[in-house]
Amino acid sequence: MASQSSDSKQKPRKSGCYSTNYALKADYREIRRLDLKKRLGVLLYRRERMERELEAIKAALSTLEDQMQRNVAYEQLSLCDKSPS
């Protein structure tokens, strides 16, 4: 019977440890969830910014290609005007 009374005394401690342990795990899970949410937000923001930057680069490349084509056409016209008739 002495062992039963000591067992009954230990059970509340274990359940107390389990509840404390559970609370710590719950806190950890919440901290982890918030950290992941923050990281996701940062990455989504960076993606949006990079997509805007990529669109700006595409527009600049398109403009540069148009300028190069106009330059080639201008040079060809200039050569045609200089050739003897």
N, C-alpha and C. Protein backbone atom coordinates (compact mmCIF):
# COMPACT_ATOMS: atom_id res chain seq x y z
N MET A 1 0.80 -1.18 0.00
CA MET A 1 0.00 0.00 0.00
C MET A 1 0.85 1.26 0.00
N ALA A 2 2.02 1.17 0.60
CA ALA A 2 2.90 2.32 0.63
C ALA A 2 3.29 2.72 -0.78
N SER A 3 3.46 1.71 -1.64
CA SER A 3 3.83 2.03 -3.01
C SER A 3 2.67 2.69 -3.75
N GLN A 4 1.44 2.33 -3.41
CA GLN A 4 0.30 2.96 -4.05
C GLN A 4 0.20 4.43 -3.68
N SER A 5 0.44 4.74 -2.40
CA SER A 5 0.35 6.15 -2.00
C SER A 5 1.45 6.97 -2.66
N SER A 6 2.65 6.39 -2.82
CA SER A 6 3.71 7.14 -3.50
C SER A 6 3.40 7.27 -4.98
N ASP A 7 2.77 6.25 -5.58
CA ASP A 7 2.38 6.34 -6.99
C ASP A 7 1.34 7.44 -7.19
N SER A 8 0.37 7.50 -6.27
CA SER A 8 -0.67 8.51 -6.42
C SER A 8 -0.09 9.90 -6.23
N LYS A 9 0.94 10.02 -5.42
CA LYS A 9 1.57 11.32 -5.25
C LYS A 9 2.34 11.71 -6.51
N GLN A 10 2.91 10.75 -7.20
CA GLN A 10 3.72 11.05 -8.39
C GLN A 10 2.85 11.35 -9.60
N LYS A 11 1.67 10.77 -9.66
CA LYS A 11 0.82 10.97 -10.84
C LYS A 11 0.48 12.44 -11.05
N PRO A 12 0.06 13.17 -10.02
CA PRO A 12 -0.22 14.58 -10.28
C PRO A 12 1.00 15.34 -10.76
N ARG A 13 2.17 14.99 -10.25
CA ARG A 13 3.38 15.65 -10.73
C ARG A 13 3.59 15.37 -12.20
N LYS A 14 3.40 14.11 -12.58
CA LYS A 14 3.59 13.78 -13.99
C LYS A 14 2.58 14.51 -14.84
N SER A 15 1.33 14.53 -14.41
CA SER A 15 0.34 15.24 -15.21
C SER A 15 0.65 16.74 -15.21
N GLY A 16 1.17 17.23 -14.09
CA GLY A 16 1.60 18.62 -14.05
C GLY A 16 2.75 18.87 -15.02
N CYS A 17 3.66 17.93 -15.07
CA CYS A 17 4.78 18.04 -16.02
C CYS A 17 4.26 17.96 -17.45
N TYR A 18 3.30 17.06 -17.65
CA TYR A 18 2.75 16.94 -19.00
C TYR A 18 2.05 18.22 -19.40
N SER A 19 1.30 18.81 -18.49
CA SER A 19 0.60 20.04 -18.85
C SER A 19 1.59 21.18 -19.08
N THR A 20 2.63 21.24 -18.26
CA THR A 20 3.66 22.25 -18.46
C THR A 20 4.39 21.99 -19.77
N ASN A 21 4.72 20.74 -19.99
CA ASN A 21 5.39 20.36 -21.23
C ASN A 21 4.49 20.66 -22.43
N TYR A 22 3.21 20.35 -22.30
CA TYR A 22 2.27 20.63 -23.39
C TYR A 22 2.20 22.13 -23.64
N ALA A 23 2.15 22.92 -22.56
CA ALA A 23 2.09 24.38 -22.71
C ALA A 23 3.34 24.89 -23.40
N LEU A 24 4.49 24.34 -23.02
CA LEU A 24 5.73 24.77 -23.68
C LEU A 24 5.72 24.40 -25.15
N LYS A 25 5.23 23.19 -25.45
CA LYS A 25 5.14 22.78 -26.86
C LYS A 25 4.15 23.65 -27.62
N ALA A 26 3.03 23.98 -26.96
CA ALA A 26 2.04 24.85 -27.60
C ALA A 26 2.64 26.23 -27.86
N ASP A 27 3.39 26.76 -26.89
CA ASP A 27 4.05 28.05 -27.07
C ASP A 27 5.06 27.97 -28.22
N TYR A 28 5.82 26.89 -28.25
CA TYR A 28 6.80 26.71 -29.32
C TYR A 28 6.10 26.66 -30.67
N ARG A 29 5.00 25.90 -30.74
CA ARG A 29 4.27 25.81 -32.00
C ARG A 29 3.74 27.16 -32.43
N GLU A 30 3.25 27.94 -31.48
CA GLU A 30 2.73 29.27 -31.80
C GLU A 30 3.86 30.19 -32.27
N ILE A 31 4.98 30.16 -31.59
CA ILE A 31 6.14 30.96 -31.99
C ILE A 31 6.60 30.54 -33.38
N ARG A 32 6.65 29.24 -33.60
CA ARG A 32 7.07 28.71 -34.91
C ARG A 32 6.09 29.13 -35.99
N ARG A 33 4.77 29.06 -35.70
CA ARG A 33 3.76 29.46 -36.68
C ARG A 33 3.92 30.94 -37.02
N LEU A 34 4.11 31.77 -36.00
CA LEU A 34 4.28 33.20 -36.25
C LEU A 34 5.55 33.49 -37.03
N ASP A 35 6.62 32.75 -36.72
CA ASP A 35 7.88 32.92 -37.45
C ASP A 35 7.70 32.53 -38.92
N LEU A 36 7.03 31.42 -39.17
CA LEU A 36 6.80 31.00 -40.56
C LEU A 36 5.91 31.99 -41.29
N LYS A 37 4.91 32.51 -40.60
CA LYS A 37 4.03 33.51 -41.21
C LYS A 37 4.81 34.76 -41.58
N LYS A 38 5.70 35.18 -40.69
CA LYS A 38 6.53 36.35 -40.96
C LYS A 38 7.45 36.10 -42.14
N ARG A 39 8.09 34.93 -42.16
CA ARG A 39 9.00 34.60 -43.27
C ARG A 39 8.24 34.54 -44.59
N LEU A 40 7.03 33.98 -44.55
CA LEU A 40 6.21 33.92 -45.76
C LEU A 40 5.89 35.32 -46.25
N GLY A 41 5.53 36.20 -45.33
CA GLY A 41 5.23 37.58 -45.70
C GLY A 41 6.43 38.27 -46.33
N VAL A 42 7.59 38.07 -45.75
CA VAL A 42 8.82 38.68 -46.29
C VAL A 42 9.09 38.15 -47.69
N LEU A 43 8.96 36.84 -47.87
CA LEU A 43 9.23 36.25 -49.18
C LEU A 43 8.21 36.69 -50.22
N LEU A 44 6.94 36.79 -49.83
CA LEU A 44 5.92 37.27 -50.77
C LEU A 44 6.19 38.71 -51.18
N TYR A 45 6.61 39.54 -50.22
CA TYR A 45 6.95 40.92 -50.53
C TYR A 45 8.14 40.99 -51.48
N ARG A 46 9.16 40.19 -51.20
CA ARG A 46 10.35 40.18 -52.07
C ARG A 46 9.99 39.71 -53.47
N ARG A 47 9.12 38.68 -53.56
CA ARG A 47 8.71 38.18 -54.87
C ARG A 47 7.99 39.28 -55.66
N GLU A 48 7.07 39.98 -54.99
CA GLU A 48 6.34 41.05 -55.66
C GLU A 48 7.29 42.14 -56.16
N ARG A 49 8.24 42.51 -55.29
CA ARG A 49 9.22 43.53 -55.67
C ARG A 49 10.06 43.07 -56.85
N MET A 50 10.49 41.81 -56.83
CA MET A 50 11.31 41.28 -57.92
C MET A 50 10.52 41.18 -59.22
N GLU A 51 9.23 40.82 -59.12
CA GLU A 51 8.41 40.75 -60.32
C GLU A 51 8.26 42.13 -60.94
N ARG A 52 8.09 43.17 -60.09
CA ARG A 52 8.01 44.53 -60.62
C ARG A 52 9.34 44.94 -61.26
N GLU A 53 10.43 44.56 -60.61
CA GLU A 53 11.75 44.88 -61.16
C GLU A 53 11.96 44.16 -62.49
N LEU A 54 11.52 42.90 -62.56
CA LEU A 54 11.65 42.14 -63.81
C LEU A 54 10.84 42.80 -64.93
N GLU A 55 9.64 43.27 -64.62
CA GLU A 55 8.83 43.95 -65.63
C GLU A 55 9.52 45.22 -66.11
N ALA A 56 10.15 45.95 -65.19
CA ALA A 56 10.88 47.16 -65.57
C ALA A 56 12.07 46.81 -66.46
N ILE A 57 12.75 45.72 -66.15
CA ILE A 57 13.89 45.28 -66.96
C ILE A 57 13.42 44.87 -68.35
N LYS A 58 12.30 44.15 -68.41
CA LYS A 58 11.75 43.74 -69.72
C LYS A 58 11.40 44.97 -70.56
N ALA A 59 10.80 45.97 -69.93
CA ALA A 59 10.45 47.20 -70.66
C ALA A 59 11.71 47.90 -71.14
N ALA A 60 12.74 47.96 -70.30
CA ALA A 60 14.00 48.61 -70.71
C ALA A 60 14.65 47.85 -71.86
N LEU A 61 14.64 46.52 -71.79
CA LEU A 61 15.21 45.72 -72.88
C LEU A 61 14.45 45.93 -74.18
N SER A 62 13.14 45.97 -74.09
CA SER A 62 12.33 46.19 -75.28
C SER A 62 12.64 47.55 -75.90
N THR A 63 12.75 48.57 -75.06
CA THR A 63 13.08 49.91 -75.54
C THR A 63 14.46 49.93 -76.19
N LEU A 64 15.41 49.26 -75.55
CA LEU A 64 16.77 49.22 -76.10
C LEU A 64 16.80 48.48 -77.44
N GLU A 65 16.07 47.37 -77.53
CA GLU A 65 16.01 46.65 -78.81
C GLU A 65 15.40 47.51 -79.91
N ASP A 66 14.33 48.26 -79.55
CA ASP A 66 13.72 49.16 -80.54
C ASP A 66 14.71 50.23 -80.99
N GLN A 67 15.45 50.79 -80.05
CA GLN A 67 16.44 51.81 -80.39
C GLN A 67 17.52 51.23 -81.30
N MET A 68 17.96 50.00 -81.00
CA MET A 68 18.99 49.36 -81.82
C MET A 68 18.48 49.11 -83.23
N GLN A 69 17.23 48.68 -83.35
CA GLN A 69 16.66 48.44 -84.68
C GLN A 69 16.53 49.74 -85.47
N ARG A 70 16.11 50.81 -84.78
CA ARG A 70 16.02 52.11 -85.46
C ARG A 70 17.41 52.59 -85.88
N ASN A 71 18.42 52.33 -85.05
CA ASN A 71 19.78 52.73 -85.37
C ASN A 71 20.28 51.98 -86.60
N VAL A 72 20.01 50.67 -86.65
CA VAL A 72 20.43 49.88 -87.81
C VAL A 72 19.72 50.38 -89.07
N ALA A 73 18.42 50.65 -88.96
CA ALA A 73 17.67 51.15 -90.12
C ALA A 73 18.21 52.51 -90.54
N TYR A 74 18.54 53.37 -89.59
CA TYR A 74 19.09 54.69 -89.91
C TYR A 74 20.43 54.55 -90.61
N GLU A 75 21.29 53.65 -90.09
CA GLU A 75 22.60 53.45 -90.72
C GLU A 75 22.45 52.92 -92.14
N GLN A 76 21.49 52.02 -92.36
CA GLN A 76 21.28 51.49 -93.71
C GLN A 76 20.80 52.59 -94.64
N LEU A 77 19.90 53.45 -94.16
CA LEU A 77 19.45 54.57 -94.99
C LEU A 77 20.59 55.53 -95.27
N SER A 78 21.44 55.75 -94.28
CA SER A 78 22.57 56.65 -94.45
C SER A 78 23.52 56.09 -95.50
N LEU A 79 23.74 54.77 -95.47
CA LEU A 79 24.63 54.15 -96.47
C LEU A 79 24.02 54.24 -97.85
N CYS A 80 22.72 54.08 -97.94
CA CYS A 80 22.06 54.15 -99.24
C CYS A 80 22.16 55.57 -99.82
N ASP A 81 22.05 56.58 -98.97
CA ASP A 81 22.14 57.96 -99.43
C ASP A 81 23.55 58.30 -99.88
N LYS A 82 24.57 57.67 -99.31
CA LYS A 82 25.96 57.97 -99.64
C LYS A 82 26.44 57.22 -100.87
N SER A 83 25.75 56.14 -101.23
CA SER A 83 26.22 55.37 -102.39
C SER A 83 25.95 56.16 -103.67
N PRO A 84 26.87 56.04 -104.63
CA PRO A 84 26.72 56.79 -105.88
C PRO A 84 25.52 56.30 -106.67
N SER A 85 24.81 57.24 -107.24
CA SER A 85 23.61 56.90 -108.02
C SER A 85 23.92 56.74 -109.47
